[in-house]
Protein backbone atom coordinates (compact mmCIF):
# COMPACT_ATOMS: atom_id res chain seq x y z
CA MET A 1 80.98 128.45 -2.46
CA GLY A 2 77.99 129.10 -0.25
CA GLY A 3 75.33 126.98 -2.00
CA GLY A 4 75.27 123.37 -3.08
CA THR A 5 77.89 121.29 -4.79
CA ALA A 6 78.31 120.63 -8.49
CA ARG A 7 75.78 117.82 -8.21
CA GLY A 8 73.11 119.88 -6.51
CA SER A 9 73.55 118.52 -2.98
CA MET A 10 75.41 120.15 -0.10
CA PRO A 11 78.46 118.51 1.48
CA TRP A 12 77.67 116.27 4.43
CA VAL A 13 79.40 115.56 7.74
CA MET A 14 79.25 112.26 9.63
CA ASP A 15 80.41 111.49 13.19
CA LEU A 16 81.98 108.04 13.70
CA SER A 17 84.07 109.08 16.68
CA GLY A 18 81.77 107.70 19.35
CA ARG A 19 80.75 111.25 20.26
CA GLN A 20 84.20 112.35 21.38
CA ALA A 21 84.41 115.91 22.71
CA TRP A 22 86.98 117.00 20.13
CA ALA A 23 84.72 115.65 17.36
CA GLY A 24 81.74 117.63 18.58
CA GLU A 25 83.86 120.76 18.64
CA ALA A 26 85.13 120.06 15.13
CA ILE A 27 81.65 119.56 13.69
CA ALA A 28 80.29 122.68 15.40
CA THR A 29 83.21 124.77 14.14
CA LEU A 30 82.89 123.45 10.60
CA ARG A 31 79.12 123.94 10.46
CA ALA A 32 79.62 127.55 11.55
CA GLY A 33 81.87 128.15 8.53
CA ASP A 34 81.10 129.53 5.10
CA ILE A 35 79.91 126.21 3.67
CA ALA A 36 76.63 124.62 4.70
CA LEU A 37 77.14 121.06 5.96
CA ASP A 38 74.41 118.45 6.20
CA PRO A 39 74.80 116.19 9.29
CA VAL A 40 74.06 112.59 8.26
CA ASP A 41 74.14 109.07 9.66
CA ALA A 42 75.29 107.60 6.32
CA PRO A 43 77.10 109.06 3.28
CA GLY A 44 74.73 111.29 1.36
CA SER A 45 73.83 110.65 -2.27
CA GLY A 46 74.44 113.22 -4.98
CA ALA A 47 77.01 115.23 -3.05
CA ALA A 48 80.47 115.82 -4.49
CA ALA A 49 82.16 115.82 -1.06
CA GLY A 50 81.69 114.75 2.52
CA LEU A 51 83.47 114.80 5.86
CA ILE A 52 83.81 111.95 8.35
CA VAL A 53 85.05 112.60 11.88
CA ALA A 54 86.59 109.42 13.31
CA GLN A 55 88.73 108.37 16.24
CA GLU A 56 90.29 105.37 14.48
CA LEU A 57 90.01 103.20 11.37
CA THR A 58 87.08 100.86 12.04
CA ARG A 59 84.88 98.63 9.94
CA ASP A 60 82.17 101.29 10.13
CA LEU A 61 84.59 103.83 8.67
CA GLU A 62 85.64 101.41 5.93
CA ALA A 63 82.00 100.72 5.09
CA ALA A 64 81.17 104.44 4.97
CA LEU A 65 84.13 105.13 2.68
CA ALA A 66 83.09 102.28 0.38
CA ALA A 67 79.53 103.62 0.20
CA ALA A 68 80.79 107.14 -0.55
CA GLU A 69 83.14 105.86 -3.25
CA HIS A 70 80.26 103.94 -4.86
CA GLY A 71 78.37 107.23 -4.99
CA ARG A 72 81.37 109.03 -6.54
CA CYS A 73 81.72 111.20 -3.44
CA ARG A 74 85.11 112.47 -2.26
CA VAL A 75 85.63 112.16 1.49
CA MET A 76 87.96 113.87 3.94
CA VAL A 77 88.45 111.96 7.18
CA ILE A 78 89.24 114.14 10.20
CA GLY A 79 91.02 112.44 13.09
CA PRO A 80 91.77 113.44 16.71
CA PRO A 81 94.34 116.16 17.54
CA ASP A 82 96.79 113.62 18.95
CA GLY A 83 97.40 112.18 15.48
CA ARG A 84 96.54 108.61 16.44
CA LEU A 85 94.55 108.17 13.22
CA LYS A 86 97.26 107.32 10.70
CA PRO A 87 96.52 108.74 7.24
CA TRP A 88 97.93 106.07 4.91
CA PRO A 89 95.60 103.19 5.87
CA VAL A 90 92.66 105.60 5.75
CA LEU A 91 93.60 106.74 2.24
CA GLU A 92 94.04 103.11 1.21
CA ALA A 93 90.51 102.41 2.46
CA GLY A 94 89.12 104.99 0.02
CA ALA A 95 89.39 108.43 1.62
CA ALA A 96 90.55 111.32 -0.56
CA GLU A 97 92.16 113.15 2.37
CA CYS A 98 92.95 112.48 6.03
CA VAL A 99 93.95 115.20 8.50
CA ALA A 100 94.11 115.71 12.26
CA TRP A 101 91.78 118.31 13.79
CA HIS A 102 93.61 121.33 15.19
CA GLY A 103 90.70 123.72 15.53
CA HIS A 104 90.96 125.43 12.14
CA ALA A 105 88.07 125.23 9.68
CA GLU A 106 89.70 127.18 6.84
CA PRO A 107 91.81 124.32 5.38
CA VAL A 108 88.78 122.02 5.40
CA MET A 109 86.62 124.65 3.71
CA ALA A 110 89.29 125.22 1.07
CA TRP A 111 89.44 121.47 0.38
CA LEU A 112 85.67 121.29 -0.04
CA GLN A 113 85.81 124.24 -2.42
CA ARG A 114 88.51 122.56 -4.52
CA VAL A 115 86.55 119.29 -4.69
CA GLU A 116 83.48 121.13 -5.93
CA GLU A 117 85.49 122.94 -8.61
CA VAL A 118 87.19 119.79 -9.85
CA GLU A 119 84.03 117.67 -9.91
CA SER A 120 82.20 120.47 -11.71
CA VAL A 121 84.88 120.46 -14.42
CA LEU A 122 84.70 116.66 -14.70
CA ASP A 123 80.97 116.90 -15.39
CA SER A 124 81.33 119.82 -17.84
CA GLN A 125 80.75 119.59 -21.59
CA PRO A 126 84.43 120.11 -22.62
CA VAL A 127 85.31 116.94 -20.69
CA ARG A 128 82.22 114.81 -21.36
CA GLU A 129 82.19 115.41 -25.11
CA ARG A 130 85.80 114.19 -25.40
CA LEU A 131 86.05 111.40 -22.82
CA ALA A 132 82.76 109.70 -21.97
CA GLY A 133 82.37 107.40 -18.98
CA GLN A 134 81.74 107.38 -15.25
CA SER A 135 83.89 104.44 -14.12
CA PRO A 136 86.01 105.03 -10.99
CA ALA A 137 89.20 104.36 -12.96
CA LEU A 138 88.42 107.01 -15.57
CA ARG A 139 87.18 109.54 -13.01
CA ALA A 140 90.40 109.12 -10.99
CA ALA A 141 92.58 109.69 -14.06
CA LEU A 142 90.57 112.70 -15.22
CA ARG A 143 90.64 114.14 -11.72
CA ASP A 144 94.45 114.03 -11.74
CA LEU A 145 94.43 115.57 -15.23
CA VAL A 146 92.08 118.42 -14.33
CA VAL A 147 93.99 119.29 -11.15
CA ALA A 148 97.29 119.42 -13.05
CA ALA A 149 95.89 121.34 -16.04
CA LYS A 150 93.55 123.80 -14.35
CA PHE A 151 95.42 124.57 -11.14
CA GLY A 152 99.02 124.14 -12.31
CA ALA A 153 101.25 125.36 -15.13
CA ALA A 154 103.91 122.62 -15.26
CA PRO A 155 104.27 120.07 -18.09
CA ILE A 156 102.00 117.03 -18.06
CA LEU A 157 102.96 113.51 -19.14
CA ILE A 158 100.02 111.30 -20.15
CA GLN A 159 100.88 107.61 -20.27
CA GLY A 160 98.85 104.53 -21.09
CA GLU A 161 98.36 101.67 -23.50
CA THR A 162 97.59 102.20 -27.18
CA GLY A 163 94.05 103.43 -27.73
CA THR A 164 93.30 104.58 -24.18
CA GLY A 165 92.51 108.15 -25.27
CA LYS A 166 95.78 109.94 -24.54
CA GLU A 167 95.29 112.55 -27.28
CA LEU A 168 91.72 113.14 -26.12
CA ALA A 169 93.07 113.63 -22.60
CA ALA A 170 95.57 116.18 -23.93
CA ARG A 171 92.72 118.09 -25.59
CA VAL A 172 90.83 118.03 -22.28
CA ALA A 173 93.90 119.37 -20.48
CA HIS A 174 94.18 122.27 -22.94
CA ALA A 175 90.44 122.98 -22.84
CA VAL A 176 90.28 123.31 -19.03
CA SER A 177 93.55 125.23 -18.67
CA SER A 178 93.99 128.99 -18.73
CA GLN A 179 96.09 128.93 -21.92
CA ARG A 180 94.87 131.58 -24.37
CA GLY A 181 96.60 130.26 -27.49
CA ASN A 182 96.12 127.20 -29.66
CA LEU A 183 96.77 123.53 -29.04
CA VAL A 184 99.44 122.39 -31.50
CA VAL A 185 99.72 118.62 -32.01
CA VAL A 186 102.95 116.92 -33.13
CA ASP A 187 102.83 113.15 -33.70
CA CYS A 188 106.43 112.04 -33.20
CA THR A 189 105.76 108.69 -34.91
CA THR A 190 104.79 110.16 -38.28
CA ILE A 191 107.70 112.55 -38.84
CA VAL A 192 110.97 111.58 -40.49
CA PRO A 193 113.63 111.91 -37.74
CA THR A 194 115.78 114.20 -39.89
CA LEU A 195 112.85 116.62 -40.23
CA MET A 196 111.80 116.55 -36.56
CA GLY A 197 113.85 119.65 -35.78
CA SER A 198 112.11 121.57 -38.53
CA GLU A 199 108.71 120.34 -37.31
CA LEU A 200 109.36 121.51 -33.75
CA PHE A 201 111.48 124.63 -34.19
CA GLY A 202 110.96 125.62 -37.84
CA HIS A 203 113.70 126.35 -40.37
CA GLU A 204 115.22 129.20 -42.29
CA ARG A 205 115.10 129.41 -46.07
CA GLY A 206 117.89 127.30 -47.58
CA ALA A 207 118.62 125.45 -44.34
CA PHE A 208 118.50 122.17 -46.25
CA THR A 209 117.49 120.86 -49.66
CA GLY A 210 113.84 121.65 -50.21
CA ALA A 211 113.69 124.47 -47.63
CA VAL A 212 112.48 127.06 -50.15
CA SER A 213 110.86 129.32 -47.56
CA VAL A 214 110.91 130.08 -43.84
CA ARG A 215 108.89 127.78 -41.60
CA THR A 216 107.87 128.88 -38.10
CA GLY A 217 107.44 125.42 -36.49
CA ALA A 218 105.29 123.99 -33.72
CA CYS A 219 106.94 125.89 -30.86
CA SER A 220 106.04 129.19 -32.48
CA GLY A 221 102.48 128.05 -33.21
CA ALA A 222 101.98 126.98 -29.59
CA ASP A 223 103.06 130.32 -28.10
CA GLN A 224 100.64 131.25 -25.27
CA GLY A 225 98.91 127.92 -25.85
CA SER A 226 99.78 124.23 -25.51
CA LEU A 227 102.23 122.01 -27.40
CA PHE A 228 101.23 118.33 -27.44
CA LEU A 229 103.95 115.83 -28.34
CA ASP A 230 102.24 112.51 -29.02
CA GLU A 231 104.49 109.46 -28.46
CA VAL A 232 107.31 111.62 -27.13
CA GLY A 233 109.39 108.47 -26.61
CA GLU A 234 110.04 108.51 -30.35
CA LEU A 235 111.86 111.84 -30.13
CA PRO A 236 115.47 111.39 -31.41
CA LEU A 237 118.17 111.70 -28.74
CA GLU A 238 119.94 114.49 -30.60
CA LEU A 239 116.82 116.71 -30.43
CA GLN A 240 116.09 116.12 -26.77
CA PRO A 241 118.56 118.78 -25.48
CA GLU A 242 116.95 121.38 -27.73
CA LEU A 243 113.48 120.49 -26.44
CA LEU A 244 114.79 120.66 -22.88
CA ARG A 245 116.08 124.19 -23.51
CA VAL A 246 112.80 125.50 -24.89
CA VAL A 247 110.87 123.88 -22.02
CA GLN A 248 113.21 125.33 -19.38
CA GLU A 249 114.03 128.72 -20.85
CA GLY A 250 111.42 129.31 -23.55
CA THR A 251 114.12 129.90 -26.18
CA TYR A 252 115.05 128.04 -29.36
CA LYS A 253 116.66 128.46 -32.79
CA ARG A 254 115.20 127.52 -36.13
CA VAL A 255 117.11 124.94 -38.15
CA GLY A 256 119.75 126.85 -40.09
CA GLY A 257 119.22 129.98 -38.01
CA ASP A 258 121.43 131.79 -35.49
CA ARG A 259 118.83 134.00 -33.79
CA TRP A 260 117.25 133.01 -30.47
CA LEU A 261 113.44 133.05 -30.59
CA HIS A 262 111.02 132.96 -27.68
CA SER A 263 107.86 130.95 -27.02
CA LYS A 264 105.87 130.32 -23.87
CA PHE A 265 103.56 127.32 -23.87
CA ARG A 266 102.24 124.48 -21.71
CA LEU A 267 103.94 121.24 -22.76
CA ILE A 268 101.79 118.09 -22.79
CA CYS A 269 103.39 114.79 -23.77
CA ALA A 270 101.99 111.30 -24.26
CA THR A 271 103.58 107.88 -24.53
CA ASN A 272 102.69 104.21 -24.51
CA ARG A 273 106.28 103.37 -23.57
CA ASP A 274 107.80 102.92 -20.12
CA LEU A 275 109.93 106.06 -20.26
CA LEU A 276 111.69 105.26 -16.99
CA SER A 277 112.96 102.06 -18.57
CA GLU A 278 114.00 104.09 -21.61
CA VAL A 279 115.91 106.43 -19.29
CA ALA A 280 117.63 103.48 -17.60
CA GLY A 281 118.58 102.08 -21.02
CA GLY A 282 119.93 105.38 -22.31
CA GLY A 283 117.18 105.90 -24.88
CA PHE A 284 115.72 108.97 -23.19
CA ARG A 285 117.45 111.78 -21.31
CA THR A 286 117.01 111.74 -17.55
CA ASP A 287 116.83 115.54 -17.27
CA LEU A 288 114.21 115.78 -20.02
CA TYR A 289 112.09 113.05 -18.46
CA HIS A 290 111.95 114.78 -15.10
CA ARG A 291 111.12 118.05 -16.83
CA ILE A 292 108.20 116.71 -18.87
CA ALA A 293 106.88 114.44 -16.07
CA ALA A 294 106.10 117.19 -13.56
CA SER A 295 102.58 115.71 -13.42
CA VAL A 296 101.96 112.15 -14.63
CA VAL A 297 98.47 110.94 -15.58
CA THR A 298 97.84 107.30 -16.49
CA MET A 299 94.84 106.66 -18.75
CA PRO A 300 93.18 103.35 -17.79
CA PRO A 301 92.64 100.53 -20.29
CA LEU A 302 89.10 99.35 -21.06
CA ARG A 303 89.55 96.25 -18.87
CA ASP A 304 89.59 98.67 -15.91
CA ARG A 305 86.54 100.53 -17.25
CA LEU A 306 83.97 97.78 -17.67
CA GLU A 307 81.19 100.11 -16.50
CA ASP A 308 81.89 102.42 -19.46
CA ILE A 309 81.83 99.88 -22.28
CA LEU A 310 78.10 100.00 -23.06
CA CYS A 311 77.86 103.80 -23.02
CA LEU A 312 80.95 104.04 -25.22
CA PHE A 313 79.52 101.45 -27.60
CA ALA A 314 76.30 103.47 -27.89
CA ARG A 315 78.28 106.64 -28.52
CA PHE A 316 80.33 105.00 -31.28
CA CYS A 317 77.15 103.59 -32.85
CA ARG A 318 75.67 107.08 -32.96
CA GLU A 319 78.87 108.31 -34.58
CA ALA A 320 78.67 105.53 -37.17
CA THR A 321 75.02 106.07 -38.10
CA GLY A 322 74.47 109.74 -37.38
CA ALA A 323 71.59 108.88 -35.04
CA ARG A 324 70.68 111.25 -32.22
CA THR A 325 69.62 108.59 -29.72
CA ASP A 326 71.37 105.55 -28.29
CA PRO A 327 70.48 102.24 -29.94
CA GLU A 328 68.75 99.49 -28.04
CA VAL A 329 71.06 96.52 -27.48
CA ASP A 330 69.93 92.94 -26.88
CA PRO A 331 71.06 91.63 -23.43
CA ALA A 332 73.08 88.83 -25.05
CA VAL A 333 74.99 91.40 -27.11
CA GLN A 334 75.54 93.51 -23.98
CA ASP A 335 77.05 90.49 -22.21
CA ALA A 336 79.31 89.80 -25.19
CA LEU A 337 80.46 93.43 -25.34
CA VAL A 338 81.37 93.59 -21.66
CA SER A 339 83.11 90.19 -21.57
CA ARG A 340 85.13 90.70 -24.77
CA SER A 341 88.79 91.69 -24.59
CA TYR A 342 89.88 94.92 -26.29
CA PRO A 343 93.62 94.88 -27.05
CA GLY A 344 93.27 98.20 -28.88
CA ASN A 345 91.10 99.70 -26.11
CA LEU A 346 88.91 102.60 -27.33
CA ARG A 347 89.98 102.16 -30.96
CA ASP A 348 89.14 98.47 -30.78
CA LEU A 349 85.66 99.13 -29.34
CA ARG A 350 85.00 101.90 -31.87
CA GLN A 351 85.87 99.65 -34.81
CA LEU A 352 83.64 96.90 -33.40
CA ALA A 353 80.75 99.37 -33.04
CA PHE A 354 81.20 100.50 -36.65
CA ARG A 355 81.17 96.88 -37.88
CA ILE A 356 78.01 96.10 -35.93
CA ALA A 357 76.29 99.34 -36.97
CA ALA A 358 76.95 98.53 -40.63
CA ARG A 359 75.21 95.14 -40.28
CA HIS A 360 72.24 96.36 -38.24
CA VAL A 361 69.00 96.93 -40.13
CA GLY A 362 65.80 98.61 -39.01
CA PRO A 363 64.70 100.55 -35.94
CA GLY A 364 64.82 97.60 -33.51
CA ALA A 365 67.48 96.55 -31.04
CA ILE A 366 70.97 95.44 -32.05
CA THR A 367 70.76 91.64 -31.92
CA PRO A 368 73.30 88.77 -31.81
CA GLY A 369 73.08 88.34 -35.59
CA ASP A 370 74.41 91.87 -36.04
CA VAL A 371 77.69 90.84 -34.41
CA PRO A 372 80.20 89.63 -37.06
CA ARG A 373 81.17 85.98 -36.75
CA ASP A 374 84.76 86.72 -35.77
CA ASP A 375 83.58 89.00 -32.96
CA ARG A 376 81.20 86.52 -31.35
CA PRO A 377 81.98 84.70 -28.07
CA GLN A 378 83.80 81.44 -28.74
CA PRO A 379 82.35 78.22 -27.28
CA SER A 380 84.28 76.16 -24.75
CA ARG A 381 83.43 73.17 -22.61
CA GLY A 382 81.84 73.94 -19.25
CA PRO A 383 82.26 72.03 -15.97
CA LEU A 384 79.44 69.63 -16.84
CA GLY A 385 80.58 69.05 -20.41
CA LYS A 386 77.99 71.46 -21.81
CA ASP A 387 78.73 74.30 -24.18
CA ALA A 388 79.70 77.51 -22.42
CA TYR A 389 81.03 80.75 -23.88
CA ASP A 390 84.04 82.84 -23.04
CA GLY A 391 83.02 85.80 -20.92
CA GLY A 392 80.31 83.96 -18.98
CA THR A 393 77.35 83.49 -21.35
CA SER A 394 75.81 80.10 -22.02
CA ALA A 395 72.54 78.44 -22.89
CA ALA A 396 72.25 77.28 -19.28
CA ASN A 397 72.98 79.46 -16.26
CA PRO A 398 76.77 79.09 -15.87
CA LEU A 399 76.68 79.89 -12.15
CA THR A 400 74.12 77.14 -11.55
CA ALA A 401 76.29 74.76 -13.55
CA ALA A 402 79.35 75.61 -11.48
CA VAL A 403 77.47 75.19 -8.20
CA ALA A 404 76.08 71.85 -9.42
CA TRP A 405 79.62 70.73 -10.18
CA ALA A 406 80.73 71.75 -6.66
CA VAL A 407 77.81 69.91 -5.03
CA ASP A 408 78.56 66.81 -7.11
CA ALA A 409 82.17 67.05 -5.94
CA GLY A 410 81.00 66.82 -2.30
CA LEU A 411 81.65 70.42 -1.23
CA GLY A 412 79.52 71.90 1.56
CA LEU A 413 77.80 75.28 1.46
CA ARG A 414 80.51 77.00 3.50
CA GLU A 415 83.24 75.65 1.22
CA ILE A 416 81.31 76.64 -1.92
CA LYS A 417 80.87 80.19 -0.63
CA GLU A 418 84.53 80.48 0.33
CA HIS A 419 85.82 79.07 -2.97
CA ALA A 420 83.44 81.35 -4.91
CA ALA A 421 84.65 84.41 -2.98
CA GLU A 422 88.30 83.51 -3.55
CA ALA A 423 87.69 82.88 -7.25
CA ALA A 424 85.83 86.19 -7.64
CA VAL A 425 88.62 88.17 -5.97
CA ALA A 426 91.33 86.38 -7.96
CA LEU A 427 89.47 86.99 -11.23
CA ALA A 428 88.82 90.66 -10.45
CA VAL A 429 92.48 91.23 -9.54
CA GLU A 430 93.57 89.48 -12.74
CA ARG A 431 91.15 91.45 -14.96
CA SER A 432 92.23 94.71 -13.33
CA GLY A 433 95.87 93.97 -14.09
CA GLY A 434 96.74 93.64 -10.40
CA ASN A 435 95.11 96.96 -9.47
CA VAL A 436 93.59 96.31 -6.04
CA HIS A 437 91.47 99.47 -6.08
CA ALA A 438 89.95 98.62 -9.47
CA ALA A 439 89.30 95.03 -8.36
CA ALA A 440 87.58 96.25 -5.19
CA SER A 441 85.36 98.62 -7.19
CA MET A 442 84.47 95.77 -9.55
CA LEU A 443 83.27 93.60 -6.64
CA GLY A 444 81.76 96.31 -4.45
CA LEU A 445 84.33 95.71 -1.70
CA THR A 446 86.87 97.90 0.04
CA ASP A 447 90.51 97.82 -1.00
CA ARG A 448 91.34 96.40 2.43
CA ALA A 449 88.92 93.49 1.99
CA VAL A 450 90.54 92.53 -1.32
CA GLN A 451 94.01 92.79 0.21
CA GLN A 452 92.94 90.58 3.13
CA ARG A 453 91.61 87.97 0.71
CA LYS A 454 94.87 88.02 -1.24
CA ALA A 455 96.92 87.79 1.96
CA ARG A 456 94.95 84.78 3.21
CA LYS A 457 95.36 83.04 -0.12
CA THR A 458 99.14 83.54 -0.16
CA GLY A 459 99.66 83.18 3.61
CA PRO A 460 100.89 80.13 5.51
CA GLN A 461 97.38 78.71 5.88
CA ALA A 462 96.47 79.05 2.22
CA GLY A 463 95.41 75.92 0.40
CA PRO A 464 93.30 72.88 1.24
CA GLN A 465 94.91 72.42 4.67
CA ALA A 466 93.63 75.75 6.00
CA GLU A 467 91.40 75.40 9.02
CA PRO A 468 87.64 75.96 8.48
CA GLU A 469 87.59 78.75 11.10
CA ALA A 470 90.25 80.71 9.18
CA ALA A 471 88.31 80.33 5.96
CA SER A 472 84.94 81.30 7.36
CA SER A 473 85.81 84.04 9.81
CA ALA A 474 86.30 86.74 7.15
CA GLY A 475 83.04 86.11 5.32
CA PRO A 476 80.86 88.63 7.16
CA GLN A 477 83.72 91.14 7.36
CA ASP A 478 84.15 91.75 3.64
CA GLY A 479 80.68 90.99 2.41
CA SER A 480 81.67 87.94 0.39
């Protein structure tokens, strides 16, 4: 590794141990290793990885992890040799790894090397040209995908809602892997069930009516490459044992044939179904599920990728018009794009961009009039009886209107702040589909701070009877 990281900045090391002797020894040993480490007082910017030496999980450690996560930096936390620093709470607070120091620098150096390799792949053209975006949710999913595809050989199951980019993720997995052959795509939803066997395994001449010649099939075409089964949950039960055999043993027979053929490929599957529920209901074989789900990657929906919406919109507009540069977008249109719901996820956003691009005229910015009527924010009645718009846009400042309503209702400043913080956390958790990590990233908080807010709201003191001290004491702790 030697030089800098994939982002042009060397890994950093930070001491939050209170200058414990073991920590000083650890830092000295690590800095004497093969990788240059930059000692810092706060998480460095631009680095792919960093190390924090800590005696216990403190607010300072939580704050440092939150700052590193905001900068898209992966952090290993190194605890004392006695193991008093428990790893699970540290990982929940945002660390990528947590280990006890036992005097050996090699495992730490190897981890830093792996982080640099993975982050370099994430920022490479084969990934960026297929799946654009820098949101934490997307980066986390792609990180899991790259690790499984580049450093492993087992099958990968990509799951997620319709339109989240599962086929694009499969193409990324093939592109970053070491497979020398082709990527063969089979869409299990578009093939007549009775012909699925022929599609996968091929057929001999005369195997059935219309089989006028030999067909090799997808398994043969994917030899030394990757076979992608899109919507694998649609695979008929009677074919699942045959797929299991070729995945396990690399052997199969063509329909109507009696000769065993061989093929070696990386299997990648995708589904928008809950396959575990299908297994429980008897619609999918248990043994096949566990074979294809060696590594599971979940592609996030757009509601968990709010930071990516505008860059994706610009990309789709370029695709629609053939332009080489991103279009300017009026702030009101930006607000509408970010606040809109996208049931179809990437497909939904792409279709919207194409509709808007078709209406836009001239070299200027995309303006509210370019947005089709059915895609515009719908008016509702605000707290003061004035028109407001779904998603938070209005003629008047909606936040000022809400605060005015609270003041008119007789609430004090402390109560307004507390209610606003609770509402923000509740809304972020709801919009992230209950994903605490995504909600915390949305608000710039730590996962722990969001969990504490949720616990106070559902705890025995939740509600209007809670004592003022209980409501106010957490304010400075979580930044709300």
